[in-house]
Amino acid sequence: MKNVLILIGVGFIFLAVFATSRFYVIQITMQSDKLNNEYKRLLNTSMRSDFEIEELTSLKRLEKFAFDTLNLKYPAGEDYESGDKKYSQR
């Protein structure tokens, strides 16, 4: 009788571990799909940005696109670098 209870206990533990592992596999798969979709969306956005930049001809339109759409800014302070030394506003 004792061996039967141990066998049933081991069976329940095995089923619990199997169910938990399946749950985590499903969670990881869902997260992977979500990240792949986000990557594809960002890649598409990047390609559209490249096409827009290629169409820009004047410097003012290019700056407006960089500042407004891409949220870029002019370098300041620690952003300046040279091949032999680093520039700073300090």
PDB file of N, CA and C in Angstrom:
ATOM      1  N   MET A   1       0.817  -1.200   0.000  1.00  0.00           N
ATOM      2  CA  MET A   1       0.000   0.000   0.000  1.00  0.00           C
ATOM      3  C   MET A   1       0.858   1.259   0.000  1.00  0.00           C
ATOM      4  N   LYS A   2       1.970   1.192   0.779  1.00  0.00           N
ATOM      5  CA  LYS A   2       2.853   2.344   0.872  1.00  0.00           C
ATOM      6  C   LYS A   2       3.488   2.634  -0.497  1.00  0.00           C
ATOM      7  N   ASN A   3       3.869   1.603  -1.229  1.00  0.00           N
ATOM      8  CA  ASN A   3       4.478   1.785  -2.552  1.00  0.00           C
ATOM      9  C   ASN A   3       3.499   2.406  -3.535  1.00  0.00           C
ATOM     10  N   VAL A   4       2.233   2.067  -3.432  1.00  0.00           N
ATOM     11  CA  VAL A   4       1.218   2.635  -4.325  1.00  0.00           C
ATOM     12  C   VAL A   4       1.059   4.127  -4.061  1.00  0.00           C
ATOM     13  N   LEU A   5       1.046   4.518  -2.785  1.00  0.00           N
ATOM     14  CA  LEU A   5       0.938   5.942  -2.449  1.00  0.00           C
ATOM     15  C   LEU A   5       2.160   6.725  -2.935  1.00  0.00           C
ATOM     16  N   ILE A   6       3.332   6.140  -2.781  1.00  0.00           N
ATOM     17  CA  ILE A   6       4.558   6.798  -3.272  1.00  0.00           C
ATOM     18  C   ILE A   6       4.504   6.938  -4.789  1.00  0.00           C
ATOM     19  N   LEU A   7       4.059   5.895  -5.465  1.00  0.00           N
ATOM     20  CA  LEU A   7       3.937   5.945  -6.930  1.00  0.00           C
ATOM     21  C   LEU A   7       2.935   7.016  -7.362  1.00  0.00           C
ATOM     22  N   ILE A   8       1.811   7.116  -6.662  1.00  0.00           N
ATOM     23  CA  ILE A   8       0.818   8.153  -6.987  1.00  0.00           C
ATOM     24  C   ILE A   8       1.392   9.543  -6.703  1.00  0.00           C
ATOM     25  N   GLY A   9       2.113   9.690  -5.602  1.00  0.00           N
ATOM     26  CA  GLY A   9       2.747  10.980  -5.279  1.00  0.00           C
ATOM     27  C   GLY A   9       3.759  11.390  -6.334  1.00  0.00           C
ATOM     28  N   VAL A  10       4.592  10.463  -6.767  1.00  0.00           N
ATOM     29  CA  VAL A  10       5.582  10.735  -7.814  1.00  0.00           C
ATOM     30  C   VAL A  10       4.871  11.101  -9.115  1.00  0.00           C
ATOM     31  N   GLY A  11       3.774  10.423  -9.404  1.00  0.00           N
ATOM     32  CA  GLY A  11       2.997  10.736 -10.613  1.00  0.00           C
ATOM     33  C   GLY A  11       2.441  12.152 -10.568  1.00  0.00           C
ATOM     34  N   PHE A  12       1.895  12.552  -9.418  1.00  0.00           N
ATOM     35  CA  PHE A  12       1.378  13.910  -9.283  1.00  0.00           C
ATOM     36  C   PHE A  12       2.491  14.954  -9.416  1.00  0.00           C
ATOM     37  N   ILE A  13       3.631  14.668  -8.811  1.00  0.00           N
ATOM     38  CA  ILE A  13       4.767  15.598  -8.919  1.00  0.00           C
ATOM     39  C   ILE A  13       5.205  15.719 -10.379  1.00  0.00           C
ATOM     40  N   PHE A  14       5.288  14.591 -11.075  1.00  0.00           N
ATOM     41  CA  PHE A  14       5.668  14.621 -12.493  1.00  0.00           C
ATOM     42  C   PHE A  14       4.676  15.451 -13.307  1.00  0.00           C
ATOM     43  N   LEU A  15       3.381  15.243 -13.077  1.00  0.00           N
ATOM     44  CA  LEU A  15       2.361  16.007 -13.810  1.00  0.00           C
ATOM     45  C   LEU A  15       2.439  17.491 -13.488  1.00  0.00           C
ATOM     46  N   ALA A  16       2.702  17.820 -12.238  1.00  0.00           N
ATOM     47  CA  ALA A  16       2.818  19.229 -11.855  1.00  0.00           C
ATOM     48  C   ALA A  16       4.022  19.883 -12.537  1.00  0.00           C
ATOM     49  N   VAL A  17       5.154  19.200 -12.546  1.00  0.00           N
ATOM     50  CA  VAL A  17       6.348  19.741 -13.204  1.00  0.00           C
ATOM     51  C   VAL A  17       6.114  19.861 -14.703  1.00  0.00           C
ATOM     52  N   PHE A  18       5.479  18.874 -15.299  1.00  0.00           N
ATOM     53  CA  PHE A  18       5.208  18.919 -16.734  1.00  0.00           C
ATOM     54  C   PHE A  18       4.279  20.081 -17.078  1.00  0.00           C
ATOM     55  N   ALA A  19       3.202  20.257 -16.297  1.00  0.00           N
ATOM     56  CA  ALA A  19       2.253  21.344 -16.559  1.00  0.00           C
ATOM     57  C   ALA A  19       2.918  22.702 -16.380  1.00  0.00           C
ATOM     58  N   THR A  20       3.748  22.841 -15.347  1.00  0.00           N
ATOM     59  CA  THR A  20       4.444  24.109 -15.114  1.00  0.00           C
ATOM     60  C   THR A  20       5.420  24.409 -16.249  1.00  0.00           C
ATOM     61  N   SER A  21       6.141  23.403 -16.695  1.00  0.00           N
ATOM     62  CA  SER A  21       7.096  23.638 -17.787  1.00  0.00           C
ATOM     63  C   SER A  21       6.362  24.023 -19.069  1.00  0.00           C
ATOM     64  N   ARG A  22       5.236  23.396 -19.355  1.00  0.00           N
ATOM     65  CA  ARG A  22       4.444  23.756 -20.549  1.00  0.00           C
ATOM     66  C   ARG A  22       3.966  25.203 -20.446  1.00  0.00           C
ATOM     67  N   PHE A  23       3.549  25.612 -19.239  1.00  0.00           N
ATOM     68  CA  PHE A  23       3.105  26.988 -19.029  1.00  0.00           C
ATOM     69  C   PHE A  23       4.220  27.970 -19.375  1.00  0.00           C
ATOM     70  N   TYR A  24       5.433  27.694 -18.886  1.00  0.00           N
ATOM     71  CA  TYR A  24       6.550  28.598 -19.158  1.00  0.00           C
ATOM     72  C   TYR A  24       6.946  28.576 -20.633  1.00  0.00           C
ATOM     73  N   VAL A  25       6.865  27.451 -21.284  1.00  0.00           N
ATOM     74  CA  VAL A  25       7.164  27.376 -22.716  1.00  0.00           C
ATOM     75  C   VAL A  25       6.174  28.231 -23.499  1.00  0.00           C
ATOM     76  N   ILE A  26       4.895  28.164 -23.125  1.00  0.00           N
ATOM     77  CA  ILE A  26       3.881  28.975 -23.800  1.00  0.00           C
ATOM     78  C   ILE A  26       4.134  30.451 -23.552  1.00  0.00           C
ATOM     79  N   GLN A  27       4.482  30.829 -22.321  1.00  0.00           N
ATOM     80  CA  GLN A  27       4.767  32.231 -22.006  1.00  0.00           C
ATOM     81  C   GLN A  27       5.956  32.742 -22.815  1.00  0.00           C
ATOM     82  N   ILE A  28       7.005  31.942 -22.899  1.00  0.00           N
ATOM     83  CA  ILE A  28       8.199  32.348 -23.646  1.00  0.00           C
ATOM     84  C   ILE A  28       7.881  32.477 -25.130  1.00  0.00           C
ATOM     85  N   THR A  29       7.088  31.576 -25.668  1.00  0.00           N
ATOM     86  CA  THR A  29       6.696  31.642 -27.078  1.00  0.00           C
ATOM     87  C   THR A  29       5.882  32.894 -27.359  1.00  0.00           C
ATOM     88  N   MET A  30       4.954  33.213 -26.472  1.00  0.00           N
ATOM     89  CA  MET A  30       4.138  34.418 -26.656  1.00  0.00           C
ATOM     90  C   MET A  30       5.004  35.678 -26.597  1.00  0.00           C
ATOM     91  N   GLN A  31       5.952  35.716 -25.664  1.00  0.00           N
ATOM     92  CA  GLN A  31       6.833  36.869 -25.550  1.00  0.00           C
ATOM     93  C   GLN A  31       7.735  36.978 -26.780  1.00  0.00           C
ATOM     94  N   SER A  32       8.209  35.853 -27.281  1.00  0.00           N
ATOM     95  CA  SER A  32       9.041  35.854 -28.484  1.00  0.00           C
ATOM     96  C   SER A  32       8.263  36.382 -29.688  1.00  0.00           C
ATOM     97  N   ASP A  33       7.022  35.943 -29.846  1.00  0.00           N
ATOM     98  CA  ASP A  33       6.192  36.438 -30.945  1.00  0.00           C
ATOM     99  C   ASP A  33       5.954  37.943 -30.827  1.00  0.00           C
ATOM    100  N   LYS A  34       5.709  38.396 -29.613  1.00  0.00           N
ATOM    101  CA  LYS A  34       5.487  39.827 -29.388  1.00  0.00           C
ATOM    102  C   LYS A  34       6.740  40.634 -29.759  1.00  0.00           C
ATOM    103  N   LEU A  35       7.901  40.160 -29.343  1.00  0.00           N
ATOM    104  CA  LEU A  35       9.152  40.859 -29.661  1.00  0.00           C
ATOM    105  C   LEU A  35       9.452  40.818 -31.159  1.00  0.00           C
ATOM    106  N   ASN A  36       9.158  39.703 -31.823  1.00  0.00           N
ATOM    107  CA  ASN A  36       9.361  39.630 -33.271  1.00  0.00           C
ATOM    108  C   ASN A  36       8.462  40.614 -34.004  1.00  0.00           C
ATOM    109  N   ASN A  37       7.201  40.731 -33.566  1.00  0.00           N
ATOM    110  CA  ASN A  37       6.301  41.702 -34.187  1.00  0.00           C
ATOM    111  C   ASN A  37       6.786  43.130 -33.970  1.00  0.00           C
ATOM    112  N   GLU A  38       7.284  43.425 -32.774  1.00  0.00           N
ATOM    113  CA  GLU A  38       7.819  44.764 -32.489  1.00  0.00           C
ATOM    114  C   GLU A  38       9.050  45.035 -33.351  1.00  0.00           C
ATOM    115  N   TYR A  39       9.917  44.027 -33.512  1.00  0.00           N
ATOM    116  CA  TYR A  39      11.099  44.177 -34.356  1.00  0.00           C
ATOM    117  C   TYR A  39      10.703  44.472 -35.804  1.00  0.00           C
ATOM    118  N   LYS A  40       9.719  43.745 -36.311  1.00  0.00           N
ATOM    119  CA  LYS A  40       9.270  43.980 -37.685  1.00  0.00           C
ATOM    120  C   LYS A  40       8.673  45.368 -37.845  1.00  0.00           C
ATOM    121  N   ARG A  41       7.919  45.823 -36.828  1.00  0.00           N
ATOM    122  CA  ARG A  41       7.331  47.161 -36.891  1.00  0.00           C
ATOM    123  C   ARG A  41       8.427  48.228 -36.893  1.00  0.00           C
ATOM    124  N   LEU A  42       9.431  48.059 -36.025  1.00  0.00           N
ATOM    125  CA  LEU A  42      10.527  49.032 -35.975  1.00  0.00           C
ATOM    126  C   LEU A  42      11.363  49.005 -37.252  1.00  0.00           C
ATOM    127  N   LEU A  43      11.568  47.832 -37.817  1.00  0.00           N
ATOM    128  CA  LEU A  43      12.305  47.720 -39.069  1.00  0.00           C
ATOM    129  C   LEU A  43      11.560  48.425 -40.193  1.00  0.00           C
ATOM    130  N   ASN A  44      10.253  48.252 -40.238  1.00  0.00           N
ATOM    131  CA  ASN A  44       9.429  48.924 -41.234  1.00  0.00           C
ATOM    132  C   ASN A  44       9.503  50.437 -41.052  1.00  0.00           C
ATOM    133  N   THR A  45       9.427  50.909 -39.800  1.00  0.00           N
ATOM    134  CA  THR A  45       9.532  52.339 -39.519  1.00  0.00           C
ATOM    135  C   THR A  45      10.892  52.872 -39.953  1.00  0.00           C
ATOM    136  N   SER A  46      11.937  52.108 -39.690  1.00  0.00           N
ATOM    137  CA  SER A  46      13.282  52.526 -40.075  1.00  0.00           C
ATOM    138  C   SER A  46      13.413  52.636 -41.593  1.00  0.00           C
ATOM    139  N   MET A  47      12.860  51.664 -42.312  1.00  0.00           N
ATOM    140  CA  MET A  47      12.935  51.707 -43.779  1.00  0.00           C
ATOM    141  C   MET A  47      12.159  52.900 -44.326  1.00  0.00           C
ATOM    142  N   ARG A  48      10.985  53.191 -43.729  1.00  0.00           N
ATOM    143  CA  ARG A  48      10.223  54.356 -44.178  1.00  0.00           C
ATOM    144  C   ARG A  48      10.983  55.635 -43.895  1.00  0.00           C
ATOM    145  N   SER A  49      11.696  55.698 -42.763  1.00  0.00           N
ATOM    146  CA  SER A  49      12.494  56.876 -42.433  1.00  0.00           C
ATOM    147  C   SER A  49      13.627  57.050 -43.440  1.00  0.00           C
ATOM    148  N   ASP A  50      14.258  55.937 -43.819  1.00  0.00           N
ATOM    149  CA  ASP A  50      15.330  56.004 -44.820  1.00  0.00           C
ATOM    150  C   ASP A  50      14.798  56.546 -46.148  1.00  0.00           C
ATOM    151  N   PHE A  51      13.613  56.094 -46.542  1.00  0.00           N
ATOM    152  CA  PHE A  51      13.029  56.590 -47.785  1.00  0.00           C
ATOM    153  C   PHE A  51      12.727  58.078 -47.695  1.00  0.00           C
ATOM    154  N   GLU A  52      12.227  58.523 -46.545  1.00  0.00           N
ATOM    155  CA  GLU A  52      11.924  59.938 -46.374  1.00  0.00           C
ATOM    156  C   GLU A  52      13.197  60.774 -46.416  1.00  0.00           C
ATOM    157  N   ILE A  53      14.264  60.276 -45.809  1.00  0.00           N
ATOM    158  CA  ILE A  53      15.531  61.016 -45.805  1.00  0.00           C
ATOM    159  C   ILE A  53      16.081  61.124 -47.227  1.00  0.00           C
ATOM    160  N   GLU A  54      15.944  60.069 -48.010  1.00  0.00           N
ATOM    161  CA  GLU A  54      16.436  60.111 -49.382  1.00  0.00           C
ATOM    162  C   GLU A  54      15.678  61.140 -50.213  1.00  0.00           C
ATOM    163  N   GLU A  55      14.415  61.395 -49.870  1.00  0.00           N
ATOM    164  CA  GLU A  55      13.619  62.351 -50.623  1.00  0.00           C
ATOM    165  C   GLU A  55      13.920  63.791 -50.239  1.00  0.00           C
ATOM    166  N   LEU A  56      14.512  64.016 -49.076  1.00  0.00           N
ATOM    167  CA  LEU A  56      14.793  65.378 -48.625  1.00  0.00           C
ATOM    168  C   LEU A  56      15.983  65.948 -49.386  1.00  0.00           C
ATOM    169  N   THR A  57      15.825  67.185 -49.845  1.00  0.00           N
ATOM    170  CA  THR A  57      16.909  67.792 -50.610  1.00  0.00           C
ATOM    171  C   THR A  57      17.490  69.019 -49.922  1.00  0.00           C
ATOM    172  N   SER A  58      16.679  69.806 -49.244  1.00  0.00           N
ATOM    173  CA  SER A  58      17.212  71.009 -48.616  1.00  0.00           C
ATOM    174  C   SER A  58      17.658  70.701 -47.193  1.00  0.00           C
ATOM    175  N   LEU A  59      18.642  71.439 -46.725  1.00  0.00           N
ATOM    176  CA  LEU A  59      19.193  71.223 -45.392  1.00  0.00           C
ATOM    177  C   LEU A  59      18.152  71.545 -44.312  1.00  0.00           C
ATOM    178  N   LYS A  60      17.362  72.589 -44.520  1.00  0.00           N
ATOM    179  CA  LYS A  60      16.349  72.951 -43.515  1.00  0.00           C
ATOM    180  C   LYS A  60      15.299  71.851 -43.376  1.00  0.00           C
ATOM    181  N   ARG A  61      14.876  71.261 -44.486  1.00  0.00           N
ATOM    182  CA  ARG A  61      13.890  70.180 -44.412  1.00  0.00           C
ATOM    183  C   ARG A  61      14.497  68.957 -43.731  1.00  0.00           C
ATOM    184  N   LEU A  62      15.783  68.693 -43.999  1.00  0.00           N
ATOM    185  CA  LEU A  62      16.458  67.572 -43.364  1.00  0.00           C
ATOM    186  C   LEU A  62      16.572  67.794 -41.855  1.00  0.00           C
ATOM    187  N   GLU A  63      16.937  69.031 -41.433  1.00  0.00           N
ATOM    188  CA  GLU A  63      17.021  69.342 -40.009  1.00  0.00           C
ATOM    189  C   GLU A  63      15.655  69.236 -39.350  1.00  0.00           C
ATOM    190  N   LYS A  64      14.617  69.731 -40.012  1.00  0.00           N
ATOM    191  CA  LYS A  64      13.267  69.666 -39.454  1.00  0.00           C
ATOM    192  C   LYS A  64      12.858  68.206 -39.256  1.00  0.00           C
ATOM    193  N   PHE A  65      13.154  67.369 -40.234  1.00  0.00           N
ATOM    194  CA  PHE A  65      12.840  65.940 -40.115  1.00  0.00           C
ATOM    195  C   PHE A  65      13.604  65.317 -38.952  1.00  0.00           C
ATOM    196  N   ALA A  66      14.895  65.643 -38.828  1.00  0.00           N
ATOM    197  CA  ALA A  66      15.724  65.073 -37.768  1.00  0.00           C
ATOM    198  C   ALA A  66      15.232  65.498 -36.391  1.00  0.00           C
ATOM    199  N   PHE A  67      14.894  66.776 -36.243  1.00  0.00           N
ATOM    200  CA  PHE A  67      14.481  67.263 -34.928  1.00  0.00           C
ATOM    201  C   PHE A  67      13.064  66.831 -34.577  1.00  0.00           C
ATOM    202  N   ASP A  68      12.143  66.921 -35.512  1.00  0.00           N
ATOM    203  CA  ASP A  68      10.736  66.648 -35.203  1.00  0.00           C
ATOM    204  C   ASP A  68      10.406  65.156 -35.220  1.00  0.00           C
ATOM    205  N   THR A  69      10.816  64.457 -36.257  1.00  0.00           N
ATOM    206  CA  THR A  69      10.428  63.052 -36.404  1.00  0.00           C
ATOM    207  C   THR A  69      11.340  62.118 -35.611  1.00  0.00           C
ATOM    208  N   LEU A  70      12.635  62.299 -35.722  1.00  0.00           N
ATOM    209  CA  LEU A  70      13.584  61.392 -35.078  1.00  0.00           C
ATOM    210  C   LEU A  70      13.997  61.842 -33.678  1.00  0.00           C
ATOM    211  N   ASN A  71      13.568  63.037 -33.259  1.00  0.00           N
ATOM    212  CA  ASN A  71      13.886  63.600 -31.943  1.00  0.00           C
ATOM    213  C   ASN A  71      15.392  63.702 -31.703  1.00  0.00           C
ATOM    214  N   LEU A  72      16.134  64.078 -32.733  1.00  0.00           N
ATOM    215  CA  LEU A  72      17.566  64.266 -32.593  1.00  0.00           C
ATOM    216  C   LEU A  72      17.849  65.681 -32.109  1.00  0.00           C
ATOM    217  N   LYS A  73      19.082  65.931 -31.676  1.00  0.00           N
ATOM    218  CA  LYS A  73      19.481  67.260 -31.223  1.00  0.00           C
ATOM    219  C   LYS A  73      20.944  67.464 -31.590  1.00  0.00           C
ATOM    220  N   TYR A  74      21.366  68.718 -31.537  1.00  0.00           N
ATOM    221  CA  TYR A  74      22.773  69.004 -31.797  1.00  0.00           C
ATOM    222  C   TYR A  74      23.617  68.472 -30.643  1.00  0.00           C
ATOM    223  N   PRO A  75      24.832  68.002 -30.916  1.00  0.00           N
ATOM    224  CA  PRO A  75      25.682  67.501 -29.832  1.00  0.00           C
ATOM    225  C   PRO A  75      26.115  68.632 -28.906  1.00  0.00           C
ATOM    226  N   ALA A  76      26.261  68.305 -27.639  1.00  0.00           N
ATOM    227  CA  ALA A  76      26.683  69.310 -26.658  1.00  0.00           C
ATOM    228  C   ALA A  76      27.549  68.632 -25.606  1.00  0.00           C
ATOM    229  N   GLY A  77      28.471  69.410 -25.047  1.00  0.00           N
ATOM    230  CA  GLY A  77      29.277  68.939 -23.917  1.00  0.00           C
ATOM    231  C   GLY A  77      30.121  67.733 -24.239  1.00  0.00           C
ATOM    232  N   GLU A  78      29.838  66.628 -23.599  1.00  0.00           N
ATOM    233  CA  GLU A  78      30.622  65.402 -23.729  1.00  0.00           C
ATOM    234  C   GLU A  78      30.413  64.700 -25.061  1.00  0.00           C
ATOM    235  N   ASP A  79      29.534  65.227 -25.916  1.00  0.00           N
ATOM    236  CA  ASP A  79      29.244  64.574 -27.187  1.00  0.00           C
ATOM    237  C   ASP A  79      30.320  64.805 -28.235  1.00  0.00           C
ATOM    238  N   TYR A  80      31.166  65.834 -28.045  1.00  0.00           N
ATOM    239  CA  TYR A  80      32.216  66.121 -29.017  1.00  0.00           C
ATOM    240  C   TYR A  80      33.413  65.213 -28.776  1.00  0.00           C
ATOM    241  N   GLU A  81      33.888  64.589 -29.847  1.00  0.00           N
ATOM    242  CA  GLU A  81      35.074  63.748 -29.727  1.00  0.00           C
ATOM    243  C   GLU A  81      35.983  63.987 -30.921  1.00  0.00           C
ATOM    244  N   SER A  82      37.243  63.778 -30.685  1.00  0.00           N
ATOM    245  CA  SER A  82      38.236  63.907 -31.748  1.00  0.00           C
ATOM    246  C   SER A  82      39.058  62.631 -31.746  1.00  0.00           C
ATOM    247  N   GLY A  83      39.861  62.462 -32.790  1.00  0.00           N
ATOM    248  CA  GLY A  83      40.673  61.259 -32.868  1.00  0.00           C
ATOM    249  C   GLY A  83      41.745  61.196 -31.809  1.00  0.00           C
ATOM    250  N   ASP A  84      42.269  62.340 -31.365  1.00  0.00           N
ATOM    251  CA  ASP A  84      43.363  62.301 -30.413  1.00  0.00           C
ATOM    252  C   ASP A  84      42.978  62.828 -29.020  1.00  0.00           C
ATOM    253  N   LYS A  85      41.889  63.589 -28.886  1.00  0.00           N
ATOM    254  CA  LYS A  85      41.481  64.047 -27.554  1.00  0.00           C
ATOM    255  C   LYS A  85      39.978  64.283 -27.536  1.00  0.00           C
ATOM    256  N   LYS A  86      39.448  64.372 -26.347  1.00  0.00           N
ATOM    257  CA  LYS A  86      38.015  64.564 -26.172  1.00  0.00           C
ATOM    258  C   LYS A  86      37.762  66.012 -25.754  1.00  0.00           C
ATOM    259  N   TYR A  87      36.782  66.658 -26.410  1.00  0.00           N
ATOM    260  CA  TYR A  87      36.452  68.038 -26.106  1.00  0.00           C
ATOM    261  C   TYR A  87      35.349  68.096 -25.071  1.00  0.00           C
ATOM    262  N   SER A  88      35.366  69.121 -24.259  1.00  0.00           N
ATOM    263  CA  SER A  88      34.355  69.298 -23.240  1.00  0.00           C
ATOM    264  C   SER A  88      34.078  70.773 -23.065  1.00  0.00           C
ATOM    265  N   GLN A  89      32.893  71.116 -22.577  1.00  0.00           N
ATOM    266  CA  GLN A  89      32.566  72.515 -22.338  1.00  0.00           C
ATOM    267  C   GLN A  89      32.982  72.957 -20.946  1.00  0.00           C
ATOM    268  N   ARG A  90      33.609  72.085 -20.182  1.00  0.00           N
ATOM    269  CA  ARG A  90      34.042  72.447 -18.814  1.00  0.00           C
ATOM    270  C   ARG A  90      35.251  73.310 -18.841  1.00  0.00           C
TER     271      ARG A  90
END
